[in-house]
């Protein structure tokens, strides 16, 4: 009968082959594999940590550099804008001072006209008459009077038949004069200057010869060459030649009436 002292061997584990051990190469391969996995994990973790620290370290200077660049650009743009504003203001002031822009030459400035000082002396008023080309006999003839002073810068003068005289002559004889036709001169006050001229107009009505009282009994002058003279009463006269052309007769076109094309009725011939 067997004894109870423990001489019985332990039963082998389930699934294990009793009495057999694995070769040592298997154990070495297992150890190498475990070590390789552990080393790979350590390497990967180290790379991840290193990459993160490098990224943080690299981004911070870049951000600082970008911030510094933005600040420098802002400062530069502000300074440039101020400088450009000052330069533009100076340039515009210079252009305004010179009176010329970039688009082209400007019109010359008008001279400042002198203010009239009192009334003009008749001897100081120069009157130059003229008649434009194309005047015709039998039509109203406008006579332009150009007024200017000799010495006074500006003065006021009353234009009327009592302050000036205009006459038209031909071959040394008077043909028409404002002494006989004073209504041809329109009364008006004007400013006469030395620097610029002032113009008024007198009309020779229908180019008729004048008579005492300026009646219409006088006839029309014929086409030809005439001389017009004008002067302020108390001043020196001036004159100019002009020509009166022949008026062109008005052409009237008459449309002939259409002829009656209807035939007269023939008398009926009696039939047998």
C-alpha atoms as a PDB file:
ATOM      1  CA  UNK A   1       0.000   0.000   0.000  1.00  0.00           C
ATOM      2  CA  UNK A   2       1.561   3.245  -0.949  1.00  0.00           C
ATOM      3  CA  UNK A   3       2.611   5.669   1.674  1.00  0.00           C
ATOM      4  CA  UNK A   4       1.026   9.199   2.171  1.00  0.00           C
ATOM      5  CA  UNK A   5       4.345  10.989   2.592  1.00  0.00           C
ATOM      6  CA  UNK A   6       4.138  12.784  -0.743  1.00  0.00           C
ATOM      7  CA  UNK A   7       6.001  10.478  -2.912  1.00  0.00           C
ATOM      8  CA  UNK A   8       3.245  11.041  -5.569  1.00  0.00           C
ATOM      9  CA  UNK A   9       4.440  13.223  -8.528  1.00  0.00           C
ATOM     10  CA  UNK A  10       2.363  16.245  -9.511  1.00  0.00           C
ATOM     11  CA  UNK A  11       0.174  15.839 -12.463  1.00  0.00           C
ATOM     12  CA  UNK A  12       1.246  17.692 -15.557  1.00  0.00           C
ATOM     13  CA  UNK A  13      -0.623  20.873 -16.663  1.00  0.00           C
ATOM     14  CA  UNK A  14      -3.487  20.522 -19.074  1.00  0.00           C
ATOM     15  CA  UNK A  15      -2.369  20.895 -22.704  1.00  0.00           C
ATOM     16  CA  UNK A  16       1.314  20.439 -21.897  1.00  0.00           C
ATOM     17  CA  UNK A  17       3.301  17.545 -23.024  1.00  0.00           C
ATOM     18  CA  UNK A  18       4.521  15.820 -19.941  1.00  0.00           C
ATOM     19  CA  UNK A  19       8.189  15.184 -19.705  1.00  0.00           C
ATOM     20  CA  UNK A  20       9.200  17.464 -22.759  1.00  0.00           C
ATOM     21  CA  UNK A  21      10.986  20.920 -22.692  1.00  0.00           C
ATOM     22  CA  UNK A  22      11.263  23.424 -25.643  1.00  0.00           C
ATOM     23  CA  UNK A  23      14.538  23.992 -27.394  1.00  0.00           C
ATOM     24  CA  UNK A  24      16.670  26.918 -26.177  1.00  0.00           C
ATOM     25  CA  UNK A  25      16.561  28.624 -29.613  1.00  0.00           C
ATOM     26  CA  UNK A  26      12.839  29.137 -29.188  1.00  0.00           C
ATOM     27  CA  UNK A  27      13.385  30.894 -25.900  1.00  0.00           C
ATOM     28  CA  UNK A  28      16.069  33.132 -27.462  1.00  0.00           C
ATOM     29  CA  UNK A  29      13.835  34.091 -30.359  1.00  0.00           C
ATOM     30  CA  UNK A  30      11.089  35.015 -27.948  1.00  0.00           C
ATOM     31  CA  UNK A  31      13.458  37.141 -25.926  1.00  0.00           C
ATOM     32  CA  UNK A  32      14.816  38.891 -29.049  1.00  0.00           C
ATOM     33  CA  UNK A  33      11.273  39.601 -30.300  1.00  0.00           C
ATOM     34  CA  UNK A  34      10.184  41.073 -26.971  1.00  0.00           C
ATOM     35  CA  UNK A  35      13.311  43.221 -26.804  1.00  0.00           C
ATOM     36  CA  UNK A  36      12.823  44.377 -30.405  1.00  0.00           C
ATOM     37  CA  UNK A  37       9.214  45.381 -29.739  1.00  0.00           C
ATOM     38  CA  UNK A  38      10.244  47.231 -26.577  1.00  0.00           C
ATOM     39  CA  UNK A  39      13.048  49.044 -28.443  1.00  0.00           C
ATOM     40  CA  UNK A  40      10.733  49.982 -31.288  1.00  0.00           C
ATOM     41  CA  UNK A  41       8.186  51.416 -28.859  1.00  0.00           C
ATOM     42  CA  UNK A  42      10.865  53.426 -27.077  1.00  0.00           C
ATOM     43  CA  UNK A  43      12.201  54.747 -30.421  1.00  0.00           C
ATOM     44  CA  UNK A  44       8.770  55.736 -31.666  1.00  0.00           C
ATOM     45  CA  UNK A  45       7.878  57.503 -28.411  1.00  0.00           C
ATOM     46  CA  UNK A  46      11.215  59.322 -28.431  1.00  0.00           C
ATOM     47  CA  UNK A  47      10.680  60.468 -32.047  1.00  0.00           C
ATOM     48  CA  UNK A  48       7.203  61.720 -31.277  1.00  0.00           C
ATOM     49  CA  UNK A  49       8.378  63.672 -28.253  1.00  0.00           C
ATOM     50  CA  UNK A  50      11.373  65.074 -30.158  1.00  0.00           C
ATOM     51  CA  UNK A  51       9.224  66.152 -33.156  1.00  0.00           C
ATOM     52  CA  UNK A  52       6.720  67.914 -30.887  1.00  0.00           C
ATOM     53  CA  UNK A  53       9.403  69.837 -29.025  1.00  0.00           C
ATOM     54  CA  UNK A  54      11.089  70.824 -32.326  1.00  0.00           C
ATOM     55  CA  UNK A  55       7.782  72.030 -33.764  1.00  0.00           C
ATOM     56  CA  UNK A  56       7.055  74.157 -30.728  1.00  0.00           C
ATOM     57  CA  UNK A  57      10.574  75.514 -30.659  1.00  0.00           C
ATOM     58  CA  UNK A  58      10.518  76.267 -34.423  1.00  0.00           C
ATOM     59  CA  UNK A  59       7.075  77.876 -34.465  1.00  0.00           C
ATOM     60  CA  UNK A  60       7.799  80.323 -31.676  1.00  0.00           C
ATOM     61  CA  UNK A  61      10.636  82.192 -33.476  1.00  0.00           C
ATOM     62  CA  UNK A  62       8.693  82.133 -36.709  1.00  0.00           C
ATOM     63  CA  UNK A  63       5.711  83.697 -34.970  1.00  0.00           C
ATOM     64  CA  UNK A  64       7.941  86.225 -33.287  1.00  0.00           C
ATOM     65  CA  UNK A  65       9.645  86.975 -36.592  1.00  0.00           C
ATOM     66  CA  UNK A  66       6.284  87.316 -38.338  1.00  0.00           C
ATOM     67  CA  UNK A  67       5.028  89.615 -35.611  1.00  0.00           C
ATOM     68  CA  UNK A  68       8.131  91.747 -35.839  1.00  0.00           C
ATOM     69  CA  UNK A  69       7.814  91.884 -39.606  1.00  0.00           C
ATOM     70  CA  UNK A  70       4.158  92.953 -39.354  1.00  0.00           C
ATOM     71  CA  UNK A  71       5.069  95.651 -36.860  1.00  0.00           C
ATOM     72  CA  UNK A  72       7.925  96.889 -39.018  1.00  0.00           C
ATOM     73  CA  UNK A  73       5.695  96.899 -42.106  1.00  0.00           C
ATOM     74  CA  UNK A  74       3.012  98.796 -40.197  1.00  0.00           C
ATOM     75  CA  UNK A  75       5.552 101.352 -39.058  1.00  0.00           C
ATOM     76  CA  UNK A  76       6.997 101.601 -42.562  1.00  0.00           C
ATOM     77  CA  UNK A  77       3.577 101.988 -44.143  1.00  0.00           C
ATOM     78  CA  UNK A  78       2.658 104.683 -41.644  1.00  0.00           C
ATOM     79  CA  UNK A  79       5.875 106.539 -42.284  1.00  0.00           C
ATOM     80  CA  UNK A  80       5.487 106.088 -46.036  1.00  0.00           C
ATOM     81  CA  UNK A  81       1.899 107.319 -45.922  1.00  0.00           C
ATOM     82  CA  UNK A  82       2.956 110.355 -43.915  1.00  0.00           C
ATOM     83  CA  UNK A  83       5.813 111.035 -46.284  1.00  0.00           C
ATOM     84  CA  UNK A  84       3.600 110.481 -49.304  1.00  0.00           C
ATOM     85  CA  UNK A  85       0.954 112.771 -47.857  1.00  0.00           C
ATOM     86  CA  UNK A  86       3.526 115.453 -47.212  1.00  0.00           C
ATOM     87  CA  UNK A  87       5.005 115.020 -50.663  1.00  0.00           C
ATOM     88  CA  UNK A  88       1.579 115.024 -52.309  1.00  0.00           C
ATOM     89  CA  UNK A  89       0.567 118.115 -50.391  1.00  0.00           C
ATOM     90  CA  UNK A  90       3.771 119.877 -51.341  1.00  0.00           C
ATOM     91  CA  UNK A  91       3.392 118.825 -54.972  1.00  0.00           C
ATOM     92  CA  UNK A  92      -0.211 119.990 -55.137  1.00  0.00           C
ATOM     93  CA  UNK A  93       0.771 123.281 -53.542  1.00  0.00           C
ATOM     94  CA  UNK A  94       3.566 123.672 -56.071  1.00  0.00           C
ATOM     95  CA  UNK A  95       1.202 122.881 -58.921  1.00  0.00           C
ATOM     96  CA  UNK A  96      -1.344 125.350 -57.622  1.00  0.00           C
ATOM     97  CA  UNK A  97       1.379 127.941 -57.170  1.00  0.00           C
ATOM     98  CA  UNK A  98       2.668 127.378 -60.703  1.00  0.00           C
ATOM     99  CA  UNK A  99      -0.892 127.561 -62.074  1.00  0.00           C
ATOM    100  CA  UNK A 100      -0.443 124.471 -64.276  1.00  0.00           C
ATOM    101  CA  UNK A 101      -1.782 120.959 -63.749  1.00  0.00           C
ATOM    102  CA  UNK A 102      -0.832 117.610 -65.171  1.00  0.00           C
ATOM    103  CA  UNK A 103      -3.711 117.688 -67.666  1.00  0.00           C
ATOM    104  CA  UNK A 104      -2.356 120.544 -69.765  1.00  0.00           C
ATOM    105  CA  UNK A 105      -1.722 124.268 -69.900  1.00  0.00           C
ATOM    106  CA  UNK A 106      -4.215 126.473 -68.132  1.00  0.00           C
ATOM    107  CA  UNK A 107      -5.883 129.543 -69.569  1.00  0.00           C
ATOM    108  CA  UNK A 108      -4.073 132.825 -68.918  1.00  0.00           C
ATOM    109  CA  UNK A 109      -5.381 134.722 -65.943  1.00  0.00           C
ATOM    110  CA  UNK A 110      -7.635 137.645 -66.714  1.00  0.00           C
ATOM    111  CA  UNK A 111      -6.145 140.996 -65.760  1.00  0.00           C
ATOM    112  CA  UNK A 112      -7.684 142.776 -62.819  1.00  0.00           C
ATOM    113  CA  UNK A 113      -9.818 145.625 -64.159  1.00  0.00           C
ATOM    114  CA  UNK A 114      -9.420 149.011 -62.577  1.00  0.00           C
ATOM    115  CA  UNK A 115     -12.418 150.540 -60.848  1.00  0.00           C
ATOM    116  CA  UNK A 116     -13.778 153.710 -62.485  1.00  0.00           C
ATOM    117  CA  UNK A 117     -12.716 156.950 -60.844  1.00  0.00           C
ATOM    118  CA  UNK A 118     -15.137 159.767 -61.698  1.00  0.00           C
ATOM    119  CA  UNK A 119     -16.351 160.839 -65.127  1.00  0.00           C
ATOM    120  CA  UNK A 120     -14.259 160.709 -68.254  1.00  0.00           C
ATOM    121  CA  UNK A 121     -12.972 163.922 -69.767  1.00  0.00           C
ATOM    122  CA  UNK A 122     -14.200 164.168 -73.414  1.00  0.00           C
ATOM    123  CA  UNK A 123     -10.651 164.801 -74.647  1.00  0.00           C
ATOM    124  CA  UNK A 124      -9.528 161.578 -72.925  1.00  0.00           C
ATOM    125  CA  UNK A 125     -12.016 159.338 -74.793  1.00  0.00           C
ATOM    126  CA  UNK A 126     -10.846 157.797 -78.058  1.00  0.00           C
ATOM    127  CA  UNK A 127     -13.625 156.542 -80.390  1.00  0.00           C
ATOM    128  CA  UNK A 128     -12.695 154.250 -83.283  1.00  0.00           C
ATOM    129  CA  UNK A 129     -15.558 153.488 -85.731  1.00  0.00           C
ATOM    130  CA  UNK A 130     -15.805 150.438 -88.001  1.00  0.00           C
ATOM    131  CA  UNK A 131     -18.328 148.744 -90.289  1.00  0.00           C
ATOM    132  CA  UNK A 132     -18.216 144.974 -90.792  1.00  0.00           C
ATOM    133  CA  UNK A 133     -17.891 143.488 -94.252  1.00  0.00           C
ATOM    134  CA  UNK A 134     -21.057 142.481 -96.026  1.00  0.00           C
ATOM    135  CA  UNK A 135     -23.011 145.713 -95.461  1.00  0.00           C
ATOM    136  CA  UNK A 136     -25.604 146.278 -98.166  1.00  0.00           C
ATOM    137  CA  UNK A 137     -27.221 149.371 -99.584  1.00  0.00           C
ATOM    138  CA  UNK A 138     -30.859 149.742 -98.626  1.00  0.00           C
ATOM    139  CA  UNK A 139     -30.348 147.723 -95.391  1.00  0.00           C
ATOM    140  CA  UNK A 140     -29.574 148.768 -91.809  1.00  0.00           C
ATOM    141  CA  UNK A 141     -25.813 149.311 -91.392  1.00  0.00           C
ATOM    142  CA  UNK A 142     -24.456 148.705 -87.848  1.00  0.00           C
ATOM    143  CA  UNK A 143     -21.549 151.006 -86.970  1.00  0.00           C
ATOM    144  CA  UNK A 144     -19.367 149.682 -84.117  1.00  0.00           C
ATOM    145  CA  UNK A 145     -17.721 152.275 -81.869  1.00  0.00           C
ATOM    146  CA  UNK A 146     -14.698 151.109 -79.841  1.00  0.00           C
ATOM    147  CA  UNK A 147     -14.083 153.293 -76.777  1.00  0.00           C
ATOM    148  CA  UNK A 148     -10.791 153.618 -74.882  1.00  0.00           C
ATOM    149  CA  UNK A 149      -9.128 156.238 -72.677  1.00  0.00           C
ATOM    150  CA  UNK A 150      -5.774 157.849 -73.290  1.00  0.00           C
ATOM    151  CA  UNK A 151      -4.606 158.468 -69.722  1.00  0.00           C
ATOM    152  CA  UNK A 152      -7.258 157.555 -67.161  1.00  0.00           C
ATOM    153  CA  UNK A 153      -7.182 153.924 -65.986  1.00  0.00           C
ATOM    154  CA  UNK A 154     -10.976 153.805 -65.775  1.00  0.00           C
ATOM    155  CA  UNK A 155     -13.820 156.315 -65.774  1.00  0.00           C
ATOM    156  CA  UNK A 156     -17.538 156.559 -66.444  1.00  0.00           C
ATOM    157  CA  UNK A 157     -18.845 158.154 -69.631  1.00  0.00           C
ATOM    158  CA  UNK A 158     -22.408 158.876 -70.789  1.00  0.00           C
ATOM    159  CA  UNK A 159     -23.013 157.806 -74.390  1.00  0.00           C
ATOM    160  CA  UNK A 160     -25.583 160.000 -76.143  1.00  0.00           C
ATOM    161  CA  UNK A 161     -26.049 162.188 -79.195  1.00  0.00           C
ATOM    162  CA  UNK A 162     -24.954 165.124 -77.024  1.00  0.00           C
ATOM    163  CA  UNK A 163     -21.558 163.580 -76.169  1.00  0.00           C
ATOM    164  CA  UNK A 164     -20.466 162.085 -79.511  1.00  0.00           C
ATOM    165  CA  UNK A 165     -21.024 162.448 -83.215  1.00  0.00           C
ATOM    166  CA  UNK A 166     -20.921 159.899 -86.034  1.00  0.00           C
ATOM    167  CA  UNK A 167     -21.122 160.707 -89.722  1.00  0.00           C
ATOM    168  CA  UNK A 168     -20.865 158.898 -93.051  1.00  0.00           C
ATOM    169  CA  UNK A 169     -19.328 160.687 -96.029  1.00  0.00           C
ATOM    170  CA  UNK A 170     -18.661 159.950 -99.688  1.00  0.00           C
ATOM    171  CA  UNK A 171     -16.382 161.920-102.017  1.00  0.00           C
ATOM    172  CA  UNK A 172     -15.892 164.606 -99.340  1.00  0.00           C
ATOM    173  CA  UNK A 173     -19.596 165.261 -98.755  1.00  0.00           C
ATOM    174  CA  UNK A 174     -21.680 164.252 -95.753  1.00  0.00           C
ATOM    175  CA  UNK A 175     -24.226 161.540 -96.464  1.00  0.00           C
ATOM    176  CA  UNK A 176     -25.545 160.772 -92.991  1.00  0.00           C
ATOM    177  CA  UNK A 177     -24.847 162.162 -89.505  1.00  0.00           C
ATOM    178  CA  UNK A 178     -26.108 161.680 -85.974  1.00  0.00           C
ATOM    179  CA  UNK A 179     -26.529 165.442 -85.673  1.00  0.00           C
ATOM    180  CA  UNK A 180     -29.571 165.074 -87.929  1.00  0.00           C
ATOM    181  CA  UNK A 181     -30.530 161.581 -86.692  1.00  0.00           C
ATOM    182  CA  UNK A 182     -29.815 161.635 -82.932  1.00  0.00           C
ATOM    183  CA  UNK A 183     -32.194 158.712 -82.299  1.00  0.00           C
ATOM    184  CA  UNK A 184     -29.568 156.426 -83.836  1.00  0.00           C
ATOM    185  CA  UNK A 185     -27.468 156.804 -80.641  1.00  0.00           C
ATOM    186  CA  UNK A 186     -28.788 154.860 -77.645  1.00  0.00           C
ATOM    187  CA  UNK A 187     -28.206 156.735 -74.400  1.00  0.00           C
ATOM    188  CA  UNK A 188     -26.319 154.581 -71.901  1.00  0.00           C
ATOM    189  CA  UNK A 189     -23.593 154.937 -69.251  1.00  0.00           C
ATOM    190  CA  UNK A 190     -20.432 152.933 -69.904  1.00  0.00           C
ATOM    191  CA  UNK A 191     -17.098 152.392 -68.194  1.00  0.00           C
ATOM    192  CA  UNK A 192     -14.161 153.321 -70.411  1.00  0.00           C
ATOM    193  CA  UNK A 193     -10.721 151.885 -69.560  1.00  0.00           C
ATOM    194  CA  UNK A 194      -7.215 152.253 -70.862  1.00  0.00           C
ATOM    195  CA  UNK A 195      -6.259 148.557 -70.604  1.00  0.00           C
ATOM    196  CA  UNK A 196      -9.321 147.123 -72.379  1.00  0.00           C
ATOM    197  CA  UNK A 197     -11.816 148.448 -74.912  1.00  0.00           C
ATOM    198  CA  UNK A 198     -15.551 149.012 -74.571  1.00  0.00           C
ATOM    199  CA  UNK A 199     -17.869 148.758 -77.595  1.00  0.00           C
ATOM    200  CA  UNK A 200     -21.224 150.355 -78.377  1.00  0.00           C
ATOM    201  CA  UNK A 201     -23.239 150.310 -81.592  1.00  0.00           C
ATOM    202  CA  UNK A 202     -24.950 152.928 -83.709  1.00  0.00           C
ATOM    203  CA  UNK A 203     -27.298 151.922 -86.545  1.00  0.00           C
ATOM    204  CA  UNK A 204     -27.434 153.762 -89.877  1.00  0.00           C
ATOM    205  CA  UNK A 205     -31.084 153.178 -90.661  1.00  0.00           C
ATOM    206  CA  UNK A 206     -31.639 151.621 -94.122  1.00  0.00           C
ATOM    207  CA  UNK A 207     -28.509 153.396 -95.405  1.00  0.00           C
ATOM    208  CA  UNK A 208     -30.565 156.483 -96.211  1.00  0.00           C
ATOM    209  CA  UNK A 209     -29.230 160.001 -96.613  1.00  0.00           C
ATOM    210  CA  UNK A 210     -30.005 162.092 -93.580  1.00  0.00           C
ATOM    211  CA  UNK A 211     -32.029 165.314 -93.620  1.00  0.00           C
ATOM    212  CA  UNK A 212     -32.904 167.841 -90.989  1.00  0.00           C
ATOM    213  CA  UNK A 213     -35.205 166.032 -88.602  1.00  0.00           C
ATOM    214  CA  UNK A 214     -34.129 162.646 -90.082  1.00  0.00           C
ATOM    215  CA  UNK A 215     -37.211 162.317 -92.280  1.00  0.00           C
ATOM    216  CA  UNK A 216     -37.809 159.474 -94.692  1.00  0.00           C
ATOM    217  CA  UNK A 217     -37.994 161.835 -97.636  1.00  0.00           C
ATOM    218  CA  UNK A 218     -34.286 161.321 -98.295  1.00  0.00           C
ATOM    219  CA  UNK A 219     -33.384 158.624-100.742  1.00  0.00           C
ATOM    220  CA  UNK A 220     -31.201 155.565-100.374  1.00  0.00           C
ATOM    221  CA  UNK A 221     -27.526 155.757-101.180  1.00  0.00           C
ATOM    222  CA  UNK A 222     -26.131 153.707-104.009  1.00  0.00           C
ATOM    223  CA  UNK A 223     -23.594 150.922-103.493  1.00  0.00           C
ATOM    224  CA  UNK A 224     -20.041 152.182-103.263  1.00  0.00           C
ATOM    225  CA  UNK A 225     -17.187 153.104-100.932  1.00  0.00           C
ATOM    226  CA  UNK A 226     -17.818 155.354 -97.939  1.00  0.00           C
ATOM    227  CA  UNK A 227     -15.950 156.810 -94.953  1.00  0.00           C
ATOM    228  CA  UNK A 228     -17.295 156.687 -91.400  1.00  0.00           C
ATOM    229  CA  UNK A 229     -15.922 159.087 -88.778  1.00  0.00           C
ATOM    230  CA  UNK A 230     -16.643 159.376 -85.041  1.00  0.00           C
ATOM    231  CA  UNK A 231     -15.451 161.491 -82.140  1.00  0.00           C
ATOM    232  CA  UNK A 232     -16.378 162.507 -78.643  1.00  0.00           C
ATOM    233  CA  UNK A 233     -17.444 166.131 -78.514  1.00  0.00           C
ATOM    234  CA  UNK A 234     -14.230 167.819 -77.478  1.00  0.00           C
ATOM    235  CA  UNK A 235     -12.050 164.861 -78.572  1.00  0.00           C
ATOM    236  CA  UNK A 236     -10.099 163.941 -81.695  1.00  0.00           C
ATOM    237  CA  UNK A 237     -11.986 162.155 -84.506  1.00  0.00           C
ATOM    238  CA  UNK A 238     -11.049 158.805 -86.044  1.00  0.00           C
ATOM    239  CA  UNK A 239     -12.272 157.371 -89.319  1.00  0.00           C
ATOM    240  CA  UNK A 240     -12.378 154.170 -91.379  1.00  0.00           C
ATOM    241  CA  UNK A 241     -13.419 153.224 -94.924  1.00  0.00           C
ATOM    242  CA  UNK A 242     -16.041 150.626 -95.783  1.00  0.00           C
ATOM    243  CA  UNK A 243     -18.052 149.467 -98.764  1.00  0.00           C
ATOM    244  CA  UNK A 244     -21.749 148.987 -99.343  1.00  0.00           C
ATOM    245  CA  UNK A 245     -22.640 146.165-101.638  1.00  0.00           C
ATOM    246  CA  UNK A 246     -25.631 145.881-103.922  1.00  0.00           C
ATOM    247  CA  UNK A 247     -28.543 144.031-102.385  1.00  0.00           C
ATOM    248  CA  UNK A 248     -29.382 140.749-103.992  1.00  0.00           C
ATOM    249  CA  UNK A 249     -32.981 140.740-105.215  1.00  0.00           C
ATOM    250  CA  UNK A 250     -35.103 138.092-103.622  1.00  0.00           C
ATOM    251  CA  UNK A 251     -35.811 135.219-105.924  1.00  0.00           C
ATOM    252  CA  UNK A 252     -39.413 134.099-105.955  1.00  0.00           C
ATOM    253  CA  UNK A 253     -40.126 130.719-107.416  1.00  0.00           C
ATOM    254  CA  UNK A 254     -43.517 130.390-109.035  1.00  0.00           C
ATOM    255  CA  UNK A 255     -44.897 126.925-109.562  1.00  0.00           C
ATOM    256  CA  UNK A 256     -46.834 126.781-112.824  1.00  0.00           C
ATOM    257  CA  UNK A 257     -50.352 125.540-112.565  1.00  0.00           C
ATOM    258  CA  UNK A 258     -51.164 122.217-114.104  1.00  0.00           C
ATOM    259  CA  UNK A 259     -52.993 122.461-117.404  1.00  0.00           C
ATOM    260  CA  UNK A 260     -56.493 121.117-117.725  1.00  0.00           C
ATOM    261  CA  UNK A 261     -56.111 117.844-119.574  1.00  0.00           C
ATOM    262  CA  UNK A 262     -59.815 117.177-119.917  1.00  0.00           C
ATOM    263  CA  UNK A 263     -60.940 117.005-123.539  1.00  0.00           C
ATOM    264  CA  UNK A 264     -63.850 119.037-124.642  1.00  0.00           C
ATOM    265  CA  UNK A 265     -66.906 117.000-125.330  1.00  0.00           C
ATOM    266  CA  UNK A 266     -67.501 116.404-129.002  1.00  0.00           C
ATOM    267  CA  UNK A 267     -71.026 117.107-130.273  1.00  0.00           C
ATOM    268  CA  UNK A 268     -72.959 114.053-131.078  1.00  0.00           C
ATOM    269  CA  UNK A 269     -73.354 113.265-134.775  1.00  0.00           C
ATOM    270  CA  UNK A 270     -77.006 112.678-135.684  1.00  0.00           C
ATOM    271  CA  UNK A 271     -77.650 109.239-137.059  1.00  0.00           C
ATOM    272  CA  UNK A 272     -80.023 108.513-139.949  1.00  0.00           C
END
